[in-house]
Amino acid sequence: MTASSSRRQTGVGFRSAMEKTVDNWFIWLTLAFALGIGLILISIAFIIAWRAWPAIQEYGLSFLFSSSWNPVKGREQYGALPVIYGTLVSSLISLVIAVPLGIGTAIFLSENFIPLKFRTPLVFLVELLAAIPSVVYGLWGIFVLIPVVQPLAMWLHNNFGWIPLFSTPPAGGPGMFPAGIVLSIMILPIITAISRDSLAALPPDLRQASLGLGATRWETIFRVLIPAAFSGIVGGIMLALGRAMGETMAVTMIIGNVNRISISILEPANTISSLIANQFAEASGMQVAALMYAGLVLMLLTLVVNIAADYIVSQVRAKY
């Protein structure tokens, strides 16, 4: 008996018409879901751009480089440069704090530095940070973080005031610095969880081969495992950056909501999302269009960040 006739008799290697139909329907269904996500994103961008069109026509690109925000009727003038600056700087501060902590925590939890009975509760506690509402982070920032950070901010100003980042005395309350710290805590579980999953998904052969060639444990981590998991780690960082750039309530409560550009991170500032949250409820006319224009700018900033991240990942993949 030939192999083909044997497969015919046993049914191995042949699929019924019903199975093929189900597979085809599944392919079309997943395609519809994928296209649906794209259509939702395009529709959101279209609606925001349509509502922002009066401001786009009125101010054009000068909206991005002007610092004036005056909603008074008859003297309306809108510019988003201070809030764009505040969004980028607060997100950068959060990344500077959260990326080393997140990747370090991911390495600690994925490389068996402690027994499993201790590691599992730590993983749960880190991921539990993502479940805390942002308004709770804001309240914690007001009543706990700001009083704790105030002496540190004063010390930074007294000892490193010659650096522009610490050139002004602390405001004594809300500001860019505490807002960046709160954002770093909020994005920490995202970076940690995705980085840990990326490291845990690597083949065990990588570790064994590196150690077998004489590399130390830390050389294996930094020269083999992290480069191999780099795409996943960068993906986690970009998701965290998107969360930081779009975070509203906690930042609104802590950053100070001052439309002013200051190099010092000890000064109050503002972000795009905080500006929209504070003014949209009472806005009308051109002010609504200006706020929608600011929201459109935030979407474009997020798009640029993701394109840059994809380019970095592709370059690293080509290298390793």
Protein backbone atom coordinates (compact mmCIF):
# COMPACT_ATOMS: atom_id res chain seq x y z
CA MET A 1 0.00 0.00 0.00
CA THR A 2 1.39 3.40 -0.94
CA ALA A 3 1.73 6.31 1.44
CA SER A 4 -0.90 8.34 -0.42
CA SER A 5 -3.50 5.55 -0.30
CA SER A 6 -2.73 5.05 3.38
CA ARG A 7 -3.43 8.74 4.04
CA ARG A 8 -6.70 8.48 2.10
CA GLN A 9 -7.83 5.57 4.26
CA THR A 10 -6.82 7.14 7.56
CA GLY A 11 -7.86 10.67 6.64
CA VAL A 12 -4.45 12.04 7.62
CA GLY A 13 -3.34 15.01 5.48
CA PHE A 14 -6.83 15.68 4.10
CA ARG A 15 -9.26 18.25 5.44
CA SER A 16 -12.99 18.38 4.92
CA ALA A 17 -14.77 21.13 3.03
CA MET A 18 -16.27 22.33 6.33
CA GLU A 19 -12.81 22.77 7.88
CA LYS A 20 -11.59 24.72 4.85
CA THR A 21 -14.70 26.93 4.99
CA VAL A 22 -14.15 27.61 8.68
CA ASP A 23 -10.50 28.51 8.00
CA ASN A 24 -11.48 30.90 5.24
CA TRP A 25 -14.09 32.56 7.43
CA PHE A 26 -11.53 32.88 10.23
CA ILE A 27 -9.05 34.57 7.86
CA TRP A 28 -11.66 37.04 6.67
CA LEU A 29 -12.83 37.69 10.24
CA THR A 30 -9.33 38.48 11.50
CA LEU A 31 -8.77 40.69 8.44
CA ALA A 32 -11.99 42.56 9.24
CA PHE A 33 -10.86 43.07 12.84
CA ALA A 34 -7.48 44.38 11.69
CA LEU A 35 -9.08 46.77 9.19
CA GLY A 36 -11.59 47.80 11.85
CA ILE A 37 -8.82 48.92 14.17
CA GLY A 38 -7.30 50.98 11.39
CA LEU A 39 -10.65 52.53 10.52
CA ILE A 40 -11.30 53.45 14.15
CA LEU A 41 -7.93 55.18 14.36
CA ILE A 42 -8.49 57.03 11.07
CA SER A 43 -11.98 58.09 12.13
CA ILE A 44 -10.68 59.46 15.45
CA ALA A 45 -7.97 61.43 13.66
CA PHE A 46 -10.47 62.70 11.07
CA ILE A 47 -12.99 63.89 13.67
CA ILE A 48 -10.31 65.66 15.71
CA ALA A 49 -8.86 67.29 12.58
CA TRP A 50 -12.35 68.35 11.43
CA ARG A 51 -13.14 69.97 14.80
CA ALA A 52 -9.69 71.59 14.85
CA TRP A 53 -9.94 72.93 11.29
CA PRO A 54 -11.04 76.50 12.26
CA ALA A 55 -7.95 76.84 14.46
CA ILE A 56 -5.74 75.29 11.78
CA GLN A 57 -7.02 77.84 9.27
CA GLU A 58 -6.66 80.72 11.72
CA TYR A 59 -3.23 79.99 13.21
CA GLY A 60 -1.58 77.47 10.90
CA LEU A 61 1.86 76.27 11.98
CA SER A 62 2.33 79.35 14.17
CA PHE A 63 0.14 77.51 16.70
CA LEU A 64 3.09 75.18 17.33
CA PHE A 65 5.57 77.97 18.01
CA SER A 66 3.51 80.52 19.91
CA SER A 67 3.45 80.72 23.72
CA SER A 68 0.31 82.83 24.08
CA TRP A 69 -2.93 81.22 25.28
CA ASN A 70 -5.59 83.89 25.73
CA PRO A 71 -9.22 82.67 25.55
CA VAL A 72 -10.74 86.10 26.28
CA LYS A 73 -13.40 87.01 23.68
CA GLY A 74 -12.22 89.58 21.19
CA ARG A 75 -8.55 89.02 22.01
CA GLU A 76 -8.31 85.30 21.41
CA GLN A 77 -4.81 84.05 20.75
CA TYR A 78 -3.71 80.45 21.07
CA GLY A 79 -0.31 78.79 20.98
CA ALA A 80 0.68 75.29 22.09
CA LEU A 81 4.45 75.56 22.46
CA PRO A 82 4.49 75.57 26.31
CA VAL A 83 2.21 72.52 26.57
CA ILE A 84 4.12 70.66 23.85
CA TYR A 85 7.32 71.38 25.75
CA GLY A 86 5.75 70.28 29.04
CA THR A 87 4.44 67.05 27.50
CA LEU A 88 7.83 66.10 26.08
CA VAL A 89 9.87 67.07 29.15
CA SER A 90 7.60 65.36 31.68
CA SER A 91 7.58 62.19 29.56
CA LEU A 92 11.37 62.33 29.23
CA ILE A 93 11.80 62.68 33.00
CA SER A 94 9.54 59.69 33.56
CA LEU A 95 11.51 57.58 31.08
CA VAL A 96 14.85 58.56 32.62
CA ILE A 97 13.60 57.26 35.97
CA ALA A 98 11.43 54.33 34.87
CA VAL A 99 13.52 52.69 32.12
CA PRO A 100 16.52 51.67 34.30
CA LEU A 101 14.21 50.66 37.15
CA GLY A 102 11.88 48.73 34.87
CA ILE A 103 14.58 46.86 32.95
CA GLY A 104 16.52 46.17 36.16
CA THR A 105 13.38 44.82 37.84
CA ALA A 106 12.63 42.68 34.76
CA ILE A 107 16.14 41.20 34.86
CA PHE A 108 15.83 40.54 38.59
CA LEU A 109 12.48 38.79 38.17
CA SER A 110 13.35 36.77 35.04
CA GLU A 111 16.87 35.54 35.83
CA ASN A 112 16.10 33.58 39.00
CA PHE A 113 18.01 35.75 41.44
CA ILE A 114 15.54 34.79 44.16
CA PRO A 115 13.41 31.67 44.78
CA LEU A 116 10.09 31.30 42.99
CA LYS A 117 8.05 31.63 46.21
CA PHE A 118 9.38 35.18 46.64
CA ARG A 119 9.50 36.07 42.95
CA THR A 120 5.81 35.41 42.26
CA PRO A 121 4.50 37.90 44.87
CA LEU A 122 6.95 40.52 43.61
CA VAL A 123 5.70 40.08 40.05
CA PHE A 124 2.13 40.46 41.28
CA LEU A 125 2.93 43.62 43.26
CA VAL A 126 4.72 45.26 40.33
CA GLU A 127 1.86 44.54 37.94
CA LEU A 128 -0.64 45.71 40.56
CA LEU A 129 0.73 49.24 40.13
CA ALA A 130 -0.94 49.34 36.71
CA ALA A 131 -4.36 48.77 38.30
CA ILE A 132 -4.24 51.86 40.53
CA PRO A 133 -6.47 54.67 39.13
CA SER A 134 -4.62 57.78 38.01
CA VAL A 135 -6.64 60.00 40.35
CA VAL A 136 -5.29 57.98 43.26
CA TYR A 137 -1.76 58.61 41.99
CA GLY A 138 -2.64 62.30 41.85
CA LEU A 139 -3.88 62.38 45.44
CA TRP A 140 -0.84 60.43 46.59
CA GLY A 141 1.36 62.88 44.75
CA ILE A 142 -0.27 65.89 46.41
CA PHE A 143 -0.28 64.62 49.99
CA VAL A 144 2.79 62.36 50.04
CA LEU A 145 5.16 62.87 47.12
CA ILE A 146 5.31 66.67 46.95
CA PRO A 147 6.20 67.09 50.67
CA VAL A 148 8.83 64.34 50.33
CA VAL A 149 10.31 65.73 47.10
CA GLN A 150 10.43 69.32 48.35
CA PRO A 151 13.64 68.89 50.43
CA LEU A 152 15.27 66.97 47.55
CA ALA A 153 14.34 69.73 45.10
CA MET A 154 15.78 72.37 47.44
CA TRP A 155 18.98 70.34 47.81
CA LEU A 156 19.30 70.02 44.04
CA HIS A 157 18.86 73.76 43.63
CA ASN A 158 21.33 74.65 46.40
CA ASN A 159 24.04 72.26 45.21
CA PHE A 160 23.46 72.09 41.47
CA GLY A 161 21.77 75.42 40.77
CA TRP A 162 24.45 76.19 38.17
CA ILE A 163 22.83 73.50 36.00
CA PRO A 164 19.89 75.02 34.07
CA LEU A 165 17.64 72.09 35.01
CA PHE A 166 17.85 73.12 38.69
CA SER A 167 18.44 76.84 38.26
CA THR A 168 15.27 78.09 39.96
CA PRO A 169 14.18 77.52 43.57
CA PRO A 170 11.37 74.97 44.02
CA ALA A 171 7.87 76.34 43.68
CA GLY A 172 6.90 74.83 47.04
CA GLY A 173 4.12 72.74 45.55
CA PRO A 174 3.13 71.27 42.17
CA GLY A 175 5.75 71.26 39.46
CA MET A 176 7.39 69.40 36.60
CA PHE A 177 9.69 67.34 38.84
CA PRO A 178 7.00 65.64 41.00
CA ALA A 179 4.85 65.14 37.90
CA GLY A 180 7.71 63.30 36.19
CA ILE A 181 8.21 61.09 39.24
CA VAL A 182 4.53 60.16 39.39
CA LEU A 183 4.53 59.39 35.66
CA SER A 184 7.59 57.15 36.12
CA ILE A 185 5.74 55.14 38.78
CA MET A 186 2.69 54.84 36.53
CA ILE A 187 4.65 53.54 33.53
CA LEU A 188 6.99 51.32 35.55
CA PRO A 189 4.73 48.19 35.47
CA ILE A 190 4.36 48.46 31.67
CA ILE A 191 8.11 48.50 31.08
CA THR A 192 8.75 45.81 33.68
CA ALA A 193 6.06 43.39 32.52
CA ILE A 194 6.86 43.57 28.80
CA SER A 195 10.64 43.48 29.35
CA ARG A 196 10.29 40.50 31.67
CA ASP A 197 8.13 38.61 29.16
CA SER A 198 10.63 39.38 26.38
CA LEU A 199 13.55 38.06 28.44
CA ALA A 200 11.62 35.00 29.62
CA ALA A 201 10.64 34.13 26.03
CA LEU A 202 14.26 33.79 24.90
CA PRO A 203 15.47 30.25 24.17
CA PRO A 204 17.39 28.71 27.10
CA ASP A 205 20.10 27.77 24.59
CA LEU A 206 21.21 31.41 24.46
CA ARG A 207 22.02 31.46 28.16
CA GLN A 208 23.63 28.03 28.11
CA ALA A 209 25.75 28.78 25.05
CA SER A 210 26.98 32.08 26.46
CA LEU A 211 27.85 30.57 29.82
CA GLY A 212 29.45 27.58 28.08
CA LEU A 213 31.77 29.92 26.17
CA GLY A 214 33.03 31.34 29.43
CA ALA A 215 30.91 34.49 29.79
CA THR A 216 29.91 35.53 33.27
CA ARG A 217 26.29 35.81 34.30
CA TRP A 218 26.26 39.60 33.90
CA GLU A 219 28.07 39.44 30.56
CA THR A 220 25.41 37.01 29.38
CA ILE A 221 22.63 39.35 30.50
CA PHE A 222 24.02 42.56 29.01
CA ARG A 223 25.75 41.25 25.89
CA VAL A 224 23.44 38.39 24.86
CA LEU A 225 20.01 38.46 26.47
CA ILE A 226 19.20 42.17 26.39
CA PRO A 227 20.24 42.59 22.71
CA ALA A 228 18.20 39.49 21.81
CA ALA A 229 15.13 40.84 23.62
CA PHE A 230 15.72 44.44 22.56
CA SER A 231 12.72 44.69 20.23
CA GLY A 232 10.34 43.63 22.97
CA ILE A 233 11.96 45.95 25.51
CA VAL A 234 11.73 48.92 23.14
CA GLY A 235 8.10 48.03 22.46
CA GLY A 236 7.39 48.18 26.17
CA ILE A 237 9.19 51.50 26.50
CA MET A 238 7.19 52.97 23.61
CA LEU A 239 3.91 51.83 25.15
CA ALA A 240 5.00 53.41 28.41
CA LEU A 241 5.94 56.62 26.62
CA GLY A 242 2.50 56.74 25.01
CA ARG A 243 0.94 56.34 28.46
CA ALA A 244 3.15 59.11 29.85
CA MET A 245 2.41 61.54 27.01
CA GLY A 246 -1.34 60.98 27.23
CA GLU A 247 -1.76 60.76 31.01
CA THR A 248 -4.25 63.36 32.21
CA MET A 249 -5.65 63.28 35.72
CA ALA A 250 -2.54 62.59 37.80
CA VAL A 251 -0.46 65.09 35.84
CA THR A 252 -3.21 67.73 36.00
CA MET A 253 -3.25 67.48 39.79
CA ILE A 254 0.53 67.70 40.22
CA ILE A 255 2.22 69.63 37.42
CA GLY A 256 0.91 73.09 38.30
CA ASN A 257 -0.95 73.91 35.03
CA VAL A 258 1.11 76.98 34.13
CA ASN A 259 1.48 77.77 30.42
CA ARG A 260 5.09 78.84 30.63
CA ILE A 261 8.32 77.43 29.28
CA SER A 262 11.10 77.03 31.82
CA ILE A 263 14.31 75.07 31.45
CA SER A 264 14.21 74.31 35.16
CA ILE A 265 12.26 71.18 36.02
CA LEU A 266 11.57 72.61 39.50
CA GLU A 267 9.05 75.08 38.03
CA PRO A 268 5.31 74.45 37.43
CA ALA A 269 4.40 73.59 33.85
CA ASN A 270 1.57 72.17 31.76
CA THR A 271 0.92 69.38 29.26
CA ILE A 272 -1.43 69.00 26.30
CA SER A 273 -3.69 66.52 28.07
CA SER A 274 -3.83 68.68 31.22
CA LEU A 275 -4.69 71.76 29.16
CA ILE A 276 -7.56 69.95 27.45
CA ALA A 277 -8.85 68.51 30.74
CA ASN A 278 -8.81 71.90 32.48
CA GLN A 279 -10.42 74.00 29.74
CA PHE A 280 -12.59 71.80 27.53
CA ALA A 281 -15.65 71.78 29.81
CA GLU A 282 -15.98 75.58 29.67
CA ALA A 283 -14.60 76.16 26.17
CA SER A 284 -16.59 77.49 23.24
CA GLY A 285 -16.00 78.69 19.71
CA MET A 286 -12.38 79.05 18.67
CA GLN A 287 -11.13 77.79 22.03
CA VAL A 288 -12.68 74.37 21.34
CA ALA A 289 -10.97 74.29 17.94
CA ALA A 290 -7.65 75.25 19.54
CA LEU A 291 -7.97 72.48 22.12
CA MET A 292 -8.78 69.97 19.38
CA TYR A 293 -5.76 71.25 17.45
CA ALA A 294 -3.64 70.57 20.54
CA GLY A 295 -5.10 67.05 20.74
CA LEU A 296 -4.23 66.50 17.08
CA VAL A 297 -0.65 67.59 17.80
CA LEU A 298 -0.49 65.04 20.63
CA MET A 299 -1.60 62.28 18.25
CA LEU A 300 1.05 63.32 15.73
CA LEU A 301 3.74 63.35 18.44
CA THR A 302 2.78 59.82 19.43
CA LEU A 303 2.91 58.74 15.77
CA VAL A 304 6.40 60.23 15.35
CA VAL A 305 7.61 58.49 18.51
CA ASN A 306 6.32 55.12 17.29
CA ILE A 307 7.91 55.56 13.85
CA ALA A 308 11.23 56.40 15.51
CA ALA A 309 10.94 53.36 17.77
CA ASP A 310 10.23 51.08 14.82
CA TYR A 311 13.32 52.44 13.04
CA ILE A 312 15.50 51.85 16.12
CA VAL A 313 14.23 48.29 16.51
CA SER A 314 14.87 47.51 12.82
CA GLN A 315 18.43 48.85 13.08
CA VAL A 316 19.17 46.78 16.17
CA ARG A 317 17.69 43.64 14.59
CA ALA A 318 19.94 44.13 11.57
CA LYS A 319 22.95 44.51 13.86
CA TYR A 320 22.27 41.43 15.99
